[in-house]
């Protein structure tokens, strides 16, 4: 990563005011309130929430298993809706690394040692992102990263970028700042400050990689296939999450987790393990199964 001499743009005034307010708000308490509301099965409540969301964000429902928003039992069931079989084409070619989510590439590239780019003029550290887990810090140091942002209207299930076995997982407590573009420009070390779940894997060839699920304001609930709902939790203290035994391999494209509101995934691979496709860059829209990189091709 390199830094230029151009001035770093400031976030718009409105965004700075919003983030200032977020610093004062009881972030986790508000997220717990949202957690309860979004799971309400009281028809007037859940229909009001779903209707307001649909009017504002206009999510694509044509590829959902249930295309009628009001038929979902709760707002959260609607928000984490499943897609019809075959709605996402998974690139099955050997060595293809695919997008685990629908969303937008926030940043993509190579680490500078332990440093990852967050936004122009802002960076954060791998050791902070991974909560000090030394083995995985060393295995992924200097490697490739992609920060993938899920907007509210996106599909919110998370899938495997390549086939792999879960080797370690852990929860790291933190704040719940927004993770939109304005926030990444304004909040220092945002992804290493927010609450997060890290899932570390190995491929059949022993190649390590990791996905870090980053929470955000009102994203007080994240789930994984192995652990169920990890957040919200009390006490909010760092802890390792169990790894299944015997190991259960998930194939490329299989679901591994969900955000129960929108947020961000940081995808991590080791040094000299892959080349990102040149056409995939910051700002690129992405969909589950779309090729992002190719393993074994050193940039």
C-alpha atoms as a PDB file:
ATOM      1  CA  UNK A   1       0.000   0.000   0.000  1.00  0.00           C
ATOM      2  CA  UNK A   2       1.210   3.473  -0.771  1.00  0.00           C
ATOM      3  CA  UNK A   3       0.116   6.897   0.377  1.00  0.00           C
ATOM      4  CA  UNK A   4      -0.019   9.946  -1.810  1.00  0.00           C
ATOM      5  CA  UNK A   5       0.473  13.603  -1.049  1.00  0.00           C
ATOM      6  CA  UNK A   6      -3.103  14.631  -1.826  1.00  0.00           C
ATOM      7  CA  UNK A   7      -5.185  15.900   1.062  1.00  0.00           C
ATOM      8  CA  UNK A   8      -7.440  13.355   2.703  1.00  0.00           C
ATOM      9  CA  UNK A   9     -11.083  14.298   2.053  1.00  0.00           C
ATOM     10  CA  UNK A  10     -13.175  14.959   5.136  1.00  0.00           C
ATOM     11  CA  UNK A  11     -16.515  13.314   5.635  1.00  0.00           C
ATOM     12  CA  UNK A  12     -19.510  15.582   4.890  1.00  0.00           C
ATOM     13  CA  UNK A  13     -20.814  17.668   7.779  1.00  0.00           C
ATOM     14  CA  UNK A  14     -23.969  15.585   8.063  1.00  0.00           C
ATOM     15  CA  UNK A  15     -21.928  12.387   8.325  1.00  0.00           C
ATOM     16  CA  UNK A  16     -19.636  13.900  10.961  1.00  0.00           C
ATOM     17  CA  UNK A  17     -22.630  14.963  13.027  1.00  0.00           C
ATOM     18  CA  UNK A  18     -24.128  11.489  12.733  1.00  0.00           C
ATOM     19  CA  UNK A  19     -20.923   9.855  13.917  1.00  0.00           C
ATOM     20  CA  UNK A  20     -20.590  12.357  16.767  1.00  0.00           C
ATOM     21  CA  UNK A  21     -24.087  11.352  17.887  1.00  0.00           C
ATOM     22  CA  UNK A  22     -23.167   7.667  17.623  1.00  0.00           C
ATOM     23  CA  UNK A  23     -20.281   8.207  20.026  1.00  0.00           C
ATOM     24  CA  UNK A  24     -22.764   9.447  22.636  1.00  0.00           C
ATOM     25  CA  UNK A  25     -25.509   6.883  22.052  1.00  0.00           C
ATOM     26  CA  UNK A  26     -25.819   3.669  24.093  1.00  0.00           C
ATOM     27  CA  UNK A  27     -24.975   1.627  21.009  1.00  0.00           C
ATOM     28  CA  UNK A  28     -25.429  -1.854  22.447  1.00  0.00           C
ATOM     29  CA  UNK A  29     -28.624  -0.968  24.309  1.00  0.00           C
ATOM     30  CA  UNK A  30     -30.165   0.427  21.127  1.00  0.00           C
ATOM     31  CA  UNK A  31     -29.076  -2.653  19.204  1.00  0.00           C
ATOM     32  CA  UNK A  32     -30.759  -4.902  21.797  1.00  0.00           C
ATOM     33  CA  UNK A  33     -34.000  -2.932  21.357  1.00  0.00           C
ATOM     34  CA  UNK A  34     -33.758  -3.366  17.581  1.00  0.00           C
ATOM     35  CA  UNK A  35     -32.991  -7.055  18.116  1.00  0.00           C
ATOM     36  CA  UNK A  36     -36.276  -7.535  19.989  1.00  0.00           C
ATOM     37  CA  UNK A  37     -38.340  -5.475  17.555  1.00  0.00           C
ATOM     38  CA  UNK A  38     -37.041  -7.238  14.472  1.00  0.00           C
ATOM     39  CA  UNK A  39     -38.021 -10.619  15.910  1.00  0.00           C
ATOM     40  CA  UNK A  40     -41.567  -9.602  16.811  1.00  0.00           C
ATOM     41  CA  UNK A  41     -44.236 -11.836  15.238  1.00  0.00           C
ATOM     42  CA  UNK A  42     -47.040  -9.398  16.040  1.00  0.00           C
ATOM     43  CA  UNK A  43     -48.453  -8.771  12.573  1.00  0.00           C
ATOM     44  CA  UNK A  44     -48.963  -4.978  12.787  1.00  0.00           C
ATOM     45  CA  UNK A  45     -45.451  -4.509  14.204  1.00  0.00           C
ATOM     46  CA  UNK A  46     -43.558  -6.723  11.779  1.00  0.00           C
ATOM     47  CA  UNK A  47     -45.575  -5.529   8.767  1.00  0.00           C
ATOM     48  CA  UNK A  48     -44.949  -1.882   9.675  1.00  0.00           C
ATOM     49  CA  UNK A  49     -41.204  -2.527   9.952  1.00  0.00           C
ATOM     50  CA  UNK A  50     -41.051  -4.503   6.702  1.00  0.00           C
ATOM     51  CA  UNK A  51     -43.211  -1.977   4.837  1.00  0.00           C
ATOM     52  CA  UNK A  52     -41.069   0.960   5.937  1.00  0.00           C
ATOM     53  CA  UNK A  53     -37.897  -0.891   4.938  1.00  0.00           C
ATOM     54  CA  UNK A  54     -39.211  -1.858   1.512  1.00  0.00           C
ATOM     55  CA  UNK A  55     -40.337   1.702   0.760  1.00  0.00           C
ATOM     56  CA  UNK A  56     -36.968   3.166   1.720  1.00  0.00           C
ATOM     57  CA  UNK A  57     -34.480   0.589   0.421  1.00  0.00           C
ATOM     58  CA  UNK A  58     -36.413  -1.257  -2.338  1.00  0.00           C
ATOM     59  CA  UNK A  59     -34.725  -4.665  -1.904  1.00  0.00           C
ATOM     60  CA  UNK A  60     -34.763  -7.103  -4.804  1.00  0.00           C
ATOM     61  CA  UNK A  61     -37.323  -9.793  -3.948  1.00  0.00           C
ATOM     62  CA  UNK A  62     -37.586 -11.590  -7.287  1.00  0.00           C
ATOM     63  CA  UNK A  63     -34.812 -14.054  -6.416  1.00  0.00           C
ATOM     64  CA  UNK A  64     -36.047 -14.785  -2.872  1.00  0.00           C
ATOM     65  CA  UNK A  65     -37.694 -18.099  -1.980  1.00  0.00           C
ATOM     66  CA  UNK A  66     -40.627 -16.054  -0.706  1.00  0.00           C
ATOM     67  CA  UNK A  67     -41.095 -12.922  -2.808  1.00  0.00           C
ATOM     68  CA  UNK A  68     -43.935 -11.413  -0.738  1.00  0.00           C
ATOM     69  CA  UNK A  69     -42.356  -9.442   2.146  1.00  0.00           C
ATOM     70  CA  UNK A  70     -45.475  -9.617   4.307  1.00  0.00           C
ATOM     71  CA  UNK A  71     -45.463 -13.414   4.364  1.00  0.00           C
ATOM     72  CA  UNK A  72     -42.354 -13.547   6.532  1.00  0.00           C
ATOM     73  CA  UNK A  73     -42.962 -14.318  10.206  1.00  0.00           C
ATOM     74  CA  UNK A  74     -40.802 -11.423  11.424  1.00  0.00           C
ATOM     75  CA  UNK A  75     -38.708  -8.570  10.091  1.00  0.00           C
ATOM     76  CA  UNK A  76     -35.540 -10.564  10.773  1.00  0.00           C
ATOM     77  CA  UNK A  77     -36.859 -13.546   8.794  1.00  0.00           C
ATOM     78  CA  UNK A  78     -37.509 -11.157   5.894  1.00  0.00           C
ATOM     79  CA  UNK A  79     -34.119  -9.492   6.261  1.00  0.00           C
ATOM     80  CA  UNK A  80     -32.188 -12.782   6.275  1.00  0.00           C
ATOM     81  CA  UNK A  81     -34.372 -14.361   3.582  1.00  0.00           C
ATOM     82  CA  UNK A  82     -33.113 -17.321   1.603  1.00  0.00           C
ATOM     83  CA  UNK A  83     -32.651 -17.180  -2.159  1.00  0.00           C
ATOM     84  CA  UNK A  84     -34.115 -19.544  -4.705  1.00  0.00           C
ATOM     85  CA  UNK A  85     -31.845 -22.451  -5.670  1.00  0.00           C
ATOM     86  CA  UNK A  86     -29.514 -21.312  -8.444  1.00  0.00           C
ATOM     87  CA  UNK A  87     -30.148 -17.594  -7.821  1.00  0.00           C
ATOM     88  CA  UNK A  88     -26.391 -17.090  -7.500  1.00  0.00           C
ATOM     89  CA  UNK A  89     -24.000 -18.719  -9.950  1.00  0.00           C
ATOM     90  CA  UNK A  90     -20.967 -20.030  -8.043  1.00  0.00           C
ATOM     91  CA  UNK A  91     -17.715 -20.017 -10.027  1.00  0.00           C
ATOM     92  CA  UNK A  92     -16.669 -23.658  -9.612  1.00  0.00           C
ATOM     93  CA  UNK A  93     -13.351 -23.451 -11.430  1.00  0.00           C
ATOM     94  CA  UNK A  94     -10.438 -24.810  -9.390  1.00  0.00           C
ATOM     95  CA  UNK A  95      -8.518 -21.980  -7.759  1.00  0.00           C
ATOM     96  CA  UNK A  96     -11.288 -19.404  -8.117  1.00  0.00           C
ATOM     97  CA  UNK A  97     -11.910 -17.360  -4.963  1.00  0.00           C
ATOM     98  CA  UNK A  98     -15.483 -16.102  -4.987  1.00  0.00           C
ATOM     99  CA  UNK A  99     -17.348 -13.373  -3.199  1.00  0.00           C
ATOM    100  CA  UNK A 100     -18.900 -14.583   0.062  1.00  0.00           C
ATOM    101  CA  UNK A 101     -21.560 -11.854  -0.007  1.00  0.00           C
ATOM    102  CA  UNK A 102     -23.683  -9.537  -2.092  1.00  0.00           C
ATOM    103  CA  UNK A 103     -22.511  -5.960  -1.637  1.00  0.00           C
ATOM    104  CA  UNK A 104     -19.763  -3.556  -2.631  1.00  0.00           C
ATOM    105  CA  UNK A 105     -15.972  -3.743  -2.399  1.00  0.00           C
ATOM    106  CA  UNK A 106     -14.898  -1.116   0.100  1.00  0.00           C
ATOM    107  CA  UNK A 107     -11.146  -1.774  -0.208  1.00  0.00           C
ATOM    108  CA  UNK A 108      -9.077  -4.548  -1.780  1.00  0.00           C
ATOM    109  CA  UNK A 109      -5.358  -5.176  -2.073  1.00  0.00           C
ATOM    110  CA  UNK A 110      -2.277  -6.343  -0.205  1.00  0.00           C
ATOM    111  CA  UNK A 111      -1.341  -5.651   3.396  1.00  0.00           C
ATOM    112  CA  UNK A 112       1.791  -3.702   4.210  1.00  0.00           C
ATOM    113  CA  UNK A 113       3.065  -6.037   6.903  1.00  0.00           C
ATOM    114  CA  UNK A 114       0.316  -5.805   9.502  1.00  0.00           C
ATOM    115  CA  UNK A 115      -1.371  -2.745   7.996  1.00  0.00           C
ATOM    116  CA  UNK A 116      -4.635  -2.800   6.035  1.00  0.00           C
ATOM    117  CA  UNK A 117      -6.139   0.135   4.175  1.00  0.00           C
ATOM    118  CA  UNK A 118      -9.498   1.289   5.542  1.00  0.00           C
ATOM    119  CA  UNK A 119     -10.036   4.420   3.450  1.00  0.00           C
ATOM    120  CA  UNK A 120      -7.854   7.085   1.885  1.00  0.00           C
ATOM    121  CA  UNK A 121      -5.567   8.302   4.655  1.00  0.00           C
ATOM    122  CA  UNK A 122      -6.826   5.767   7.202  1.00  0.00           C
ATOM    123  CA  UNK A 123      -5.526   2.302   8.046  1.00  0.00           C
ATOM    124  CA  UNK A 124      -5.738  -0.271  10.797  1.00  0.00           C
ATOM    125  CA  UNK A 125      -3.726  -3.282  11.944  1.00  0.00           C
ATOM    126  CA  UNK A 126      -4.213  -6.984  11.420  1.00  0.00           C
ATOM    127  CA  UNK A 127      -3.268  -7.828  15.017  1.00  0.00           C
ATOM    128  CA  UNK A 128      -5.985  -5.484  16.298  1.00  0.00           C
ATOM    129  CA  UNK A 129      -8.555  -6.821  13.816  1.00  0.00           C
ATOM    130  CA  UNK A 130      -7.839 -10.415  14.895  1.00  0.00           C
ATOM    131  CA  UNK A 131      -7.958  -9.587  18.587  1.00  0.00           C
ATOM    132  CA  UNK A 132      -4.345 -10.599  19.227  1.00  0.00           C
ATOM    133  CA  UNK A 133      -4.664 -14.235  18.057  1.00  0.00           C
ATOM    134  CA  UNK A 134      -0.954 -14.671  17.400  1.00  0.00           C
ATOM    135  CA  UNK A 135      -1.018 -17.869  15.296  1.00  0.00           C
ATOM    136  CA  UNK A 136      -3.431 -16.429  12.746  1.00  0.00           C
ATOM    137  CA  UNK A 137      -1.776 -13.008  12.764  1.00  0.00           C
ATOM    138  CA  UNK A 138       1.499 -14.622  11.745  1.00  0.00           C
ATOM    139  CA  UNK A 139      -0.099 -16.906   9.159  1.00  0.00           C
ATOM    140  CA  UNK A 140      -1.899 -13.996   7.453  1.00  0.00           C
ATOM    141  CA  UNK A 141       0.684 -11.221   7.914  1.00  0.00           C
ATOM    142  CA  UNK A 142       1.500  -9.368   4.702  1.00  0.00           C
ATOM    143  CA  UNK A 143      -1.258 -11.128   2.822  1.00  0.00           C
ATOM    144  CA  UNK A 144      -4.221 -10.170   0.671  1.00  0.00           C
ATOM    145  CA  UNK A 145      -7.398  -8.575   1.994  1.00  0.00           C
ATOM    146  CA  UNK A 146     -10.787  -7.494   0.709  1.00  0.00           C
ATOM    147  CA  UNK A 147     -13.271  -5.432   2.709  1.00  0.00           C
ATOM    148  CA  UNK A 148     -16.820  -6.175   1.544  1.00  0.00           C
ATOM    149  CA  UNK A 149     -19.706  -3.911   2.595  1.00  0.00           C
ATOM    150  CA  UNK A 150     -23.322  -5.077   2.749  1.00  0.00           C
ATOM    151  CA  UNK A 151     -25.857  -2.259   2.393  1.00  0.00           C
ATOM    152  CA  UNK A 152     -29.316  -2.622   3.968  1.00  0.00           C
ATOM    153  CA  UNK A 153     -30.940  -3.654   0.667  1.00  0.00           C
ATOM    154  CA  UNK A 154     -28.452  -6.483   0.021  1.00  0.00           C
ATOM    155  CA  UNK A 155     -28.911 -10.214   0.609  1.00  0.00           C
ATOM    156  CA  UNK A 156     -27.475 -10.851   4.094  1.00  0.00           C
ATOM    157  CA  UNK A 157     -26.292 -14.424   4.207  1.00  0.00           C
ATOM    158  CA  UNK A 158     -22.546 -15.121   4.115  1.00  0.00           C
ATOM    159  CA  UNK A 159     -21.028 -17.931   2.051  1.00  0.00           C
ATOM    160  CA  UNK A 160     -17.665 -19.654   1.666  1.00  0.00           C
ATOM    161  CA  UNK A 161     -15.184 -18.027  -0.770  1.00  0.00           C
ATOM    162  CA  UNK A 162     -13.390 -21.379  -1.213  1.00  0.00           C
ATOM    163  CA  UNK A 163     -13.871 -24.813   0.328  1.00  0.00           C
ATOM    164  CA  UNK A 164     -12.423 -25.129   3.810  1.00  0.00           C
ATOM    165  CA  UNK A 165     -12.514 -26.517   7.343  1.00  0.00           C
ATOM    166  CA  UNK A 166     -13.099 -24.259  10.327  1.00  0.00           C
ATOM    167  CA  UNK A 167      -9.924 -24.356  12.424  1.00  0.00           C
ATOM    168  CA  UNK A 168     -10.568 -21.566  14.934  1.00  0.00           C
ATOM    169  CA  UNK A 169     -13.194 -18.962  15.764  1.00  0.00           C
ATOM    170  CA  UNK A 170     -13.473 -16.220  18.321  1.00  0.00           C
ATOM    171  CA  UNK A 171     -15.540 -13.239  19.424  1.00  0.00           C
ATOM    172  CA  UNK A 172     -14.012  -9.822  20.106  1.00  0.00           C
ATOM    173  CA  UNK A 173     -16.158  -7.201  21.852  1.00  0.00           C
ATOM    174  CA  UNK A 174     -16.184  -3.601  20.684  1.00  0.00           C
ATOM    175  CA  UNK A 175     -18.248  -0.623  19.648  1.00  0.00           C
ATOM    176  CA  UNK A 176     -21.057  -0.578  17.096  1.00  0.00           C
ATOM    177  CA  UNK A 177     -20.325   2.374  14.840  1.00  0.00           C
ATOM    178  CA  UNK A 178     -21.896   2.473  11.387  1.00  0.00           C
ATOM    179  CA  UNK A 179     -19.662   0.934   8.714  1.00  0.00           C
ATOM    180  CA  UNK A 180     -20.843   2.870   5.650  1.00  0.00           C
ATOM    181  CA  UNK A 181     -18.492   4.843   3.433  1.00  0.00           C
ATOM    182  CA  UNK A 182     -18.759   8.024   5.491  1.00  0.00           C
ATOM    183  CA  UNK A 183     -17.889   6.122   8.664  1.00  0.00           C
ATOM    184  CA  UNK A 184     -14.839   4.428   7.120  1.00  0.00           C
ATOM    185  CA  UNK A 185     -13.505   7.878   6.214  1.00  0.00           C
ATOM    186  CA  UNK A 186     -14.226   9.381   9.626  1.00  0.00           C
ATOM    187  CA  UNK A 187     -13.691   6.730  12.329  1.00  0.00           C
ATOM    188  CA  UNK A 188     -10.078   5.706  12.892  1.00  0.00           C
ATOM    189  CA  UNK A 189      -9.409   1.939  12.979  1.00  0.00           C
ATOM    190  CA  UNK A 190     -13.140   1.321  12.558  1.00  0.00           C
ATOM    191  CA  UNK A 191     -13.028  -2.403  11.762  1.00  0.00           C
ATOM    192  CA  UNK A 192     -10.677  -3.109  14.670  1.00  0.00           C
ATOM    193  CA  UNK A 193     -12.877  -1.102  17.059  1.00  0.00           C
ATOM    194  CA  UNK A 194     -16.287  -2.578  16.296  1.00  0.00           C
ATOM    195  CA  UNK A 195     -17.583  -5.850  17.712  1.00  0.00           C
ATOM    196  CA  UNK A 196     -16.631  -8.793  15.491  1.00  0.00           C
ATOM    197  CA  UNK A 197     -16.468 -12.539  14.981  1.00  0.00           C
ATOM    198  CA  UNK A 198     -13.439 -14.116  13.304  1.00  0.00           C
ATOM    199  CA  UNK A 199     -13.637 -17.499  11.584  1.00  0.00           C
ATOM    200  CA  UNK A 200     -10.296 -18.991  10.507  1.00  0.00           C
ATOM    201  CA  UNK A 201     -10.098 -21.839   7.991  1.00  0.00           C
ATOM    202  CA  UNK A 202      -7.760 -24.116   6.088  1.00  0.00           C
ATOM    203  CA  UNK A 203      -8.311 -25.457   2.592  1.00  0.00           C
ATOM    204  CA  UNK A 204      -7.717 -29.110   1.787  1.00  0.00           C
ATOM    205  CA  UNK A 205      -4.152 -28.142   0.850  1.00  0.00           C
ATOM    206  CA  UNK A 206      -3.574 -26.472   4.228  1.00  0.00           C
ATOM    207  CA  UNK A 207      -3.837 -22.896   2.949  1.00  0.00           C
ATOM    208  CA  UNK A 208      -5.101 -20.621   5.751  1.00  0.00           C
ATOM    209  CA  UNK A 209      -7.706 -17.934   5.231  1.00  0.00           C
ATOM    210  CA  UNK A 210     -10.126 -16.044   7.450  1.00  0.00           C
ATOM    211  CA  UNK A 211     -13.358 -14.131   7.388  1.00  0.00           C
ATOM    212  CA  UNK A 212     -14.011 -11.424   9.971  1.00  0.00           C
ATOM    213  CA  UNK A 213     -17.664 -10.490  10.453  1.00  0.00           C
ATOM    214  CA  UNK A 214     -17.828  -6.898  11.681  1.00  0.00           C
ATOM    215  CA  UNK A 215     -20.848  -5.670  13.627  1.00  0.00           C
ATOM    216  CA  UNK A 216     -22.302  -2.189  13.298  1.00  0.00           C
ATOM    217  CA  UNK A 217     -24.967   0.103  14.740  1.00  0.00           C
ATOM    218  CA  UNK A 218     -28.183  -1.932  15.076  1.00  0.00           C
ATOM    219  CA  UNK A 219     -26.228  -5.021  13.958  1.00  0.00           C
ATOM    220  CA  UNK A 220     -26.338  -6.465  17.448  1.00  0.00           C
ATOM    221  CA  UNK A 221     -26.836  -9.990  16.132  1.00  0.00           C
ATOM    222  CA  UNK A 222     -24.487 -12.139  14.059  1.00  0.00           C
ATOM    223  CA  UNK A 223     -24.752 -15.885  13.579  1.00  0.00           C
ATOM    224  CA  UNK A 224     -22.512 -18.612  12.217  1.00  0.00           C
ATOM    225  CA  UNK A 225     -23.378 -22.085  11.007  1.00  0.00           C
ATOM    226  CA  UNK A 226     -21.405 -23.656  13.860  1.00  0.00           C
ATOM    227  CA  UNK A 227     -22.292 -21.414  16.801  1.00  0.00           C
ATOM    228  CA  UNK A 228     -25.774 -20.088  16.115  1.00  0.00           C
ATOM    229  CA  UNK A 229     -26.387 -16.564  17.370  1.00  0.00           C
ATOM    230  CA  UNK A 230     -23.104 -15.324  18.854  1.00  0.00           C
ATOM    231  CA  UNK A 231     -24.196 -11.745  19.487  1.00  0.00           C
ATOM    232  CA  UNK A 232     -25.785 -10.091  21.387  1.00  0.00           C
ATOM    233  CA  UNK A 233     -24.125 -11.651  24.393  1.00  0.00           C
ATOM    234  CA  UNK A 234     -23.449 -10.921  28.043  1.00  0.00           C
ATOM    235  CA  UNK A 235     -20.890 -10.424  29.317  1.00  0.00           C
ATOM    236  CA  UNK A 236     -19.325  -8.810  26.259  1.00  0.00           C
ATOM    237  CA  UNK A 237     -15.894 -10.314  26.802  1.00  0.00           C
ATOM    238  CA  UNK A 238     -13.438 -11.820  24.337  1.00  0.00           C
ATOM    239  CA  UNK A 239     -13.777 -15.584  24.035  1.00  0.00           C
ATOM    240  CA  UNK A 240     -12.910 -18.474  21.775  1.00  0.00           C
ATOM    241  CA  UNK A 241     -15.791 -20.213  20.015  1.00  0.00           C
ATOM    242  CA  UNK A 242     -15.906 -24.014  19.712  1.00  0.00           C
ATOM    243  CA  UNK A 243     -14.667 -25.811  16.622  1.00  0.00           C
ATOM    244  CA  UNK A 244     -16.684 -28.894  15.593  1.00  0.00           C
ATOM    245  CA  UNK A 245     -15.091 -32.315  15.892  1.00  0.00           C
ATOM    246  CA  UNK A 246     -14.796 -34.099  13.592  1.00  0.00           C
ATOM    247  CA  UNK A 247     -14.171 -31.259  11.178  1.00  0.00           C
ATOM    248  CA  UNK A 248     -16.984 -30.562   8.732  1.00  0.00           C
ATOM    249  CA  UNK A 249     -15.821 -29.262   5.361  1.00  0.00           C
ATOM    250  CA  UNK A 250     -17.902 -26.519   3.810  1.00  0.00           C
ATOM    251  CA  UNK A 251     -17.711 -26.319   0.047  1.00  0.00           C
ATOM    252  CA  UNK A 252     -17.281 -23.150  -1.957  1.00  0.00           C
ATOM    253  CA  UNK A 253     -20.557 -21.230  -1.970  1.00  0.00           C
ATOM    254  CA  UNK A 254     -22.084 -22.933   1.087  1.00  0.00           C
ATOM    255  CA  UNK A 255     -23.643 -20.676   3.703  1.00  0.00           C
ATOM    256  CA  UNK A 256     -21.468 -20.088   6.788  1.00  0.00           C
ATOM    257  CA  UNK A 257     -23.218 -17.220   8.599  1.00  0.00           C
ATOM    258  CA  UNK A 258     -25.637 -14.310   8.593  1.00  0.00           C
ATOM    259  CA  UNK A 259     -25.815 -10.661   9.517  1.00  0.00           C
ATOM    260  CA  UNK A 260     -29.143  -9.892  11.102  1.00  0.00           C
ATOM    261  CA  UNK A 261     -28.693  -6.316   9.915  1.00  0.00           C
ATOM    262  CA  UNK A 262     -26.203  -4.986   7.325  1.00  0.00           C
ATOM    263  CA  UNK A 263     -22.475  -4.832   7.970  1.00  0.00           C
ATOM    264  CA  UNK A 264     -19.028  -5.808   6.634  1.00  0.00           C
ATOM    265  CA  UNK A 265     -16.886  -8.884   5.994  1.00  0.00           C
ATOM    266  CA  UNK A 266     -13.080  -8.633   5.880  1.00  0.00           C
ATOM    267  CA  UNK A 267     -11.666 -11.497   3.805  1.00  0.00           C
ATOM    268  CA  UNK A 268      -8.012 -12.430   4.510  1.00  0.00           C
ATOM    269  CA  UNK A 269      -5.538 -14.676   2.656  1.00  0.00           C
ATOM    270  CA  UNK A 270      -1.789 -15.193   3.268  1.00  0.00           C
ATOM    271  CA  UNK A 271       1.101 -13.599   1.405  1.00  0.00           C
ATOM    272  CA  UNK A 272       1.755 -14.784  -2.161  1.00  0.00           C
ATOM    273  CA  UNK A 273      -1.355 -16.961  -2.266  1.00  0.00           C
ATOM    274  CA  UNK A 274      -3.574 -15.240  -4.838  1.00  0.00           C
ATOM    275  CA  UNK A 275      -4.055 -12.405  -7.292  1.00  0.00           C
ATOM    276  CA  UNK A 276      -7.146 -10.216  -7.135  1.00  0.00           C
ATOM    277  CA  UNK A 277      -8.804  -9.728 -10.506  1.00  0.00           C
ATOM    278  CA  UNK A 278      -7.806  -6.295 -11.848  1.00  0.00           C
ATOM    279  CA  UNK A 279     -11.404  -5.362 -12.636  1.00  0.00           C
ATOM    280  CA  UNK A 280     -12.446  -5.901  -9.001  1.00  0.00           C
ATOM    281  CA  UNK A 281     -11.602  -2.681  -7.196  1.00  0.00           C
ATOM    282  CA  UNK A 282     -12.896  -0.324  -4.532  1.00  0.00           C
ATOM    283  CA  UNK A 283     -16.469   0.582  -5.422  1.00  0.00           C
ATOM    284  CA  UNK A 284     -17.149  -2.559  -7.472  1.00  0.00           C
ATOM    285  CA  UNK A 285     -20.543  -4.196  -6.892  1.00  0.00           C
ATOM    286  CA  UNK A 286     -20.267  -7.916  -6.070  1.00  0.00           C
ATOM    287  CA  UNK A 287     -22.562 -10.915  -5.733  1.00  0.00           C
ATOM    288  CA  UNK A 288     -22.206 -14.262  -3.997  1.00  0.00           C
ATOM    289  CA  UNK A 289     -20.254 -16.678  -6.178  1.00  0.00           C
ATOM    290  CA  UNK A 290     -18.644 -14.037  -8.403  1.00  0.00           C
ATOM    291  CA  UNK A 291     -14.924 -14.585  -8.905  1.00  0.00           C
ATOM    292  CA  UNK A 292     -12.739 -12.126  -7.011  1.00  0.00           C
ATOM    293  CA  UNK A 293      -9.308 -13.755  -7.318  1.00  0.00           C
ATOM    294  CA  UNK A 294      -7.382 -16.819  -8.380  1.00  0.00           C
ATOM    295  CA  UNK A 295      -5.299 -18.894  -5.982  1.00  0.00           C
ATOM    296  CA  UNK A 296      -1.710 -19.719  -6.813  1.00  0.00           C
ATOM    297  CA  UNK A 297      -1.140 -16.670  -9.009  1.00  0.00           C
ATOM    298  CA  UNK A 298       1.231 -14.281  -7.282  1.00  0.00           C
ATOM    299  CA  UNK A 299       0.698 -10.592  -8.195  1.00  0.00           C
END
